[in-house]
Every structure is written in structure tokens, then in C-alpha cells.
Amino acid sequence: MKKILIIAFMALSFGAFAQVEPTFEKEGDMVKATYFHANGEVSQQGYFLNERLEGEWKMFNEKGDKIAVGNYENGVKSGKWLFWEGDVKKEVNFDNNRIASVTNAKTKEPVAVNN
């Protein structure tokens, strides 16, 4: 009985640490890439063009919550990126892959209130 429990535990342990292979789908000239956390949740999703990051990329934590979104142009971070850390949303502006500015904002406050 002890050996069966040990074997079952080892089998479950190996399954928990299994790597989830990324997926790649051709969409016109671009390739949509989806990367996964070990638990099967999506970790990143975006596009490649000519083997370089291109367009919008989204990042997620292990629970599936969005933690970042931004754009790449020819493999370089560009424009406004948004990062979520708990109740704080950070807007980071990139210029040629370098941080140009950072702004923090609370995310729990309503945008509009109906009276």
C-alpha cells in the first residue's frame, strides 16, 4: 500500500510540473503566439512579424488576470503600456524601447457615478 501511495504521489508531482508548450498560429503575414503558465493558464499572447515581436501583447498571471498590455513595433516596445499591480495601474510610455514616463493611478475608483 505504501508503494502505491508513493507512486501515485510521484505521478501527480510530475504532472504538476509539466511544461505547457506554446502555440503558434499563422494569421496572414503574422504569427499569433500564445504562451502558458505551468497550470495551463495563458501567460502571454501576441504576434510576431518577420520573427520580431509586433503589435499588441498581453500578459497574465497564473490566475488569468491581465497584468500588462502594450505594443511592439519591429521588436521594440513603443507607446503606452499598462501594468496592473493590485489596486494600482501604471501607465508607462516607451520611446525606442526606453521608458519615457511613468504614471500611477488607482484602479478601484469608478470612472463615472450616476446620481
Protein backbone atom coordinates (compact mmCIF):
# COMPACT_ATOMS: atom_id res chain seq x y z
CA MET A 1 0.00 0.00 0.00
CA LYS A 2 2.83 2.35 0.86
CA LYS A 3 4.46 1.78 -2.55
CA ILE A 4 1.19 2.55 -4.37
CA LEU A 5 0.82 5.84 -2.48
CA ILE A 6 4.42 6.82 -3.28
CA ILE A 7 3.96 6.01 -6.97
CA ALA A 8 0.66 7.93 -7.11
CA PHE A 9 2.25 10.94 -5.38
CA MET A 10 5.20 10.91 -7.80
CA ALA A 11 2.87 10.69 -10.82
CA LEU A 12 0.85 13.66 -9.58
CA SER A 13 4.03 15.63 -8.83
CA PHE A 14 5.37 15.14 -12.35
CA GLY A 15 2.03 16.24 -13.81
CA ALA A 16 2.03 19.42 -11.71
CA PHE A 17 5.43 20.47 -13.06
CA ALA A 18 4.72 19.60 -16.69
CA GLN A 19 5.56 22.33 -19.19
CA VAL A 20 2.72 23.55 -21.38
CA GLU A 21 4.04 24.07 -24.89
CA PRO A 22 3.32 27.43 -26.56
CA THR A 23 1.06 27.57 -29.60
CA PHE A 24 1.75 29.42 -32.86
CA GLU A 25 -0.93 30.19 -35.46
CA LYS A 26 -0.33 31.83 -38.84
CA GLU A 27 -2.65 34.82 -39.41
CA GLY A 28 -1.84 36.48 -42.74
CA ASP A 29 1.76 37.71 -42.60
CA MET A 30 1.82 37.48 -38.80
CA VAL A 31 2.14 34.60 -36.36
CA LYS A 32 -0.04 34.65 -33.23
CA ALA A 33 1.85 33.24 -30.25
CA THR A 34 0.31 32.05 -27.01
CA TYR A 35 2.50 31.06 -24.05
CA PHE A 36 1.20 29.26 -20.96
CA HIS A 37 1.92 29.02 -17.25
CA ALA A 38 2.58 25.53 -15.83
CA ASN A 39 -1.05 25.42 -14.62
CA GLY A 40 -2.33 25.81 -18.21
CA GLU A 41 -3.43 29.46 -17.90
CA VAL A 42 -2.28 31.82 -20.66
CA SER A 43 0.82 33.81 -19.60
CA GLN A 44 1.40 35.88 -22.76
CA GLN A 45 -0.29 36.39 -26.08
CA GLY A 46 0.75 38.46 -29.07
CA TYR A 47 2.15 38.49 -32.56
CA PHE A 48 5.39 38.07 -34.46
CA LEU A 49 6.20 39.57 -37.84
CA ASN A 50 9.44 38.51 -39.53
CA GLU A 51 10.48 36.79 -36.27
CA ARG A 52 10.13 40.03 -34.26
CA LEU A 53 7.52 40.99 -31.69
CA GLU A 54 4.84 43.10 -33.37
CA GLY A 55 1.54 44.70 -32.38
CA GLU A 56 -0.35 44.25 -29.13
CA TRP A 57 0.96 41.85 -26.47
CA LYS A 58 -0.95 40.88 -23.33
CA MET A 59 0.46 39.29 -20.18
CA PHE A 60 -1.48 37.40 -17.49
CA ASN A 61 -0.73 35.99 -14.04
CA GLU A 62 -1.32 32.34 -13.04
CA LYS A 63 -4.93 33.15 -12.10
CA GLY A 64 -5.69 34.53 -15.57
CA ASP A 65 -5.81 38.19 -14.51
CA LYS A 66 -4.36 40.65 -17.03
CA ILE A 67 -1.18 42.22 -15.62
CA ALA A 68 0.19 44.08 -18.66
CA VAL A 69 -0.71 45.16 -22.18
CA GLY A 70 1.30 47.12 -24.72
CA ASN A 71 2.59 47.34 -28.27
CA TYR A 72 5.74 46.37 -30.08
CA GLU A 73 6.92 47.89 -33.34
CA ASN A 74 9.58 45.90 -35.14
CA GLY A 75 10.58 44.12 -31.92
CA VAL A 76 10.77 47.31 -29.83
CA LYS A 77 8.38 48.41 -27.05
CA SER A 78 6.57 51.53 -28.18
CA GLY A 79 3.88 53.90 -26.97
CA LYS A 80 1.76 53.45 -23.86
CA TRP A 81 1.94 50.22 -21.88
CA LEU A 82 -0.38 49.47 -18.96
CA PHE A 83 0.69 47.42 -15.92
CA TRP A 84 -1.63 46.32 -13.11
CA GLU A 85 -0.27 45.69 -9.59
CA GLY A 86 -3.10 45.14 -7.12
CA ASP A 87 -5.11 48.39 -6.93
CA VAL A 88 -2.54 50.38 -8.89
CA LYS A 89 -2.43 50.78 -12.64
CA LYS A 90 0.82 52.10 -14.10
CA GLU A 91 0.98 53.82 -17.46
CA VAL A 92 4.47 53.53 -18.88
CA ASN A 93 5.33 55.39 -22.07
CA PHE A 94 8.12 53.91 -24.14
CA ASP A 95 10.22 55.69 -26.73
CA ASN A 96 12.51 53.40 -28.75
CA ASN A 97 12.35 50.66 -26.09
CA ARG A 98 13.24 53.09 -23.28
CA ILE A 99 10.95 54.34 -20.54
CA ALA A 100 9.97 57.95 -21.28
CA SER A 101 7.49 58.40 -18.38
CA VAL A 102 5.57 56.52 -15.68
CA THR A 103 2.17 57.48 -14.22
CA ASN A 104 0.39 55.68 -11.35
CA ALA A 105 -3.40 55.61 -10.94
CA LYS A 106 -5.79 53.82 -8.58
CA THR A 107 -7.95 51.29 -10.46
CA LYS A 108 -10.73 50.73 -7.90
CA GLU A 109 -12.31 54.19 -8.30
CA PRO A 110 -15.35 54.41 -10.60
CA VAL A 111 -14.98 56.23 -13.90
CA ALA A 112 -18.49 57.73 -13.67
CA VAL A 113 -21.16 57.89 -10.99
CA ASN A 114 -24.90 58.03 -11.77
CA ASN A 115 -26.92 60.21 -9.39
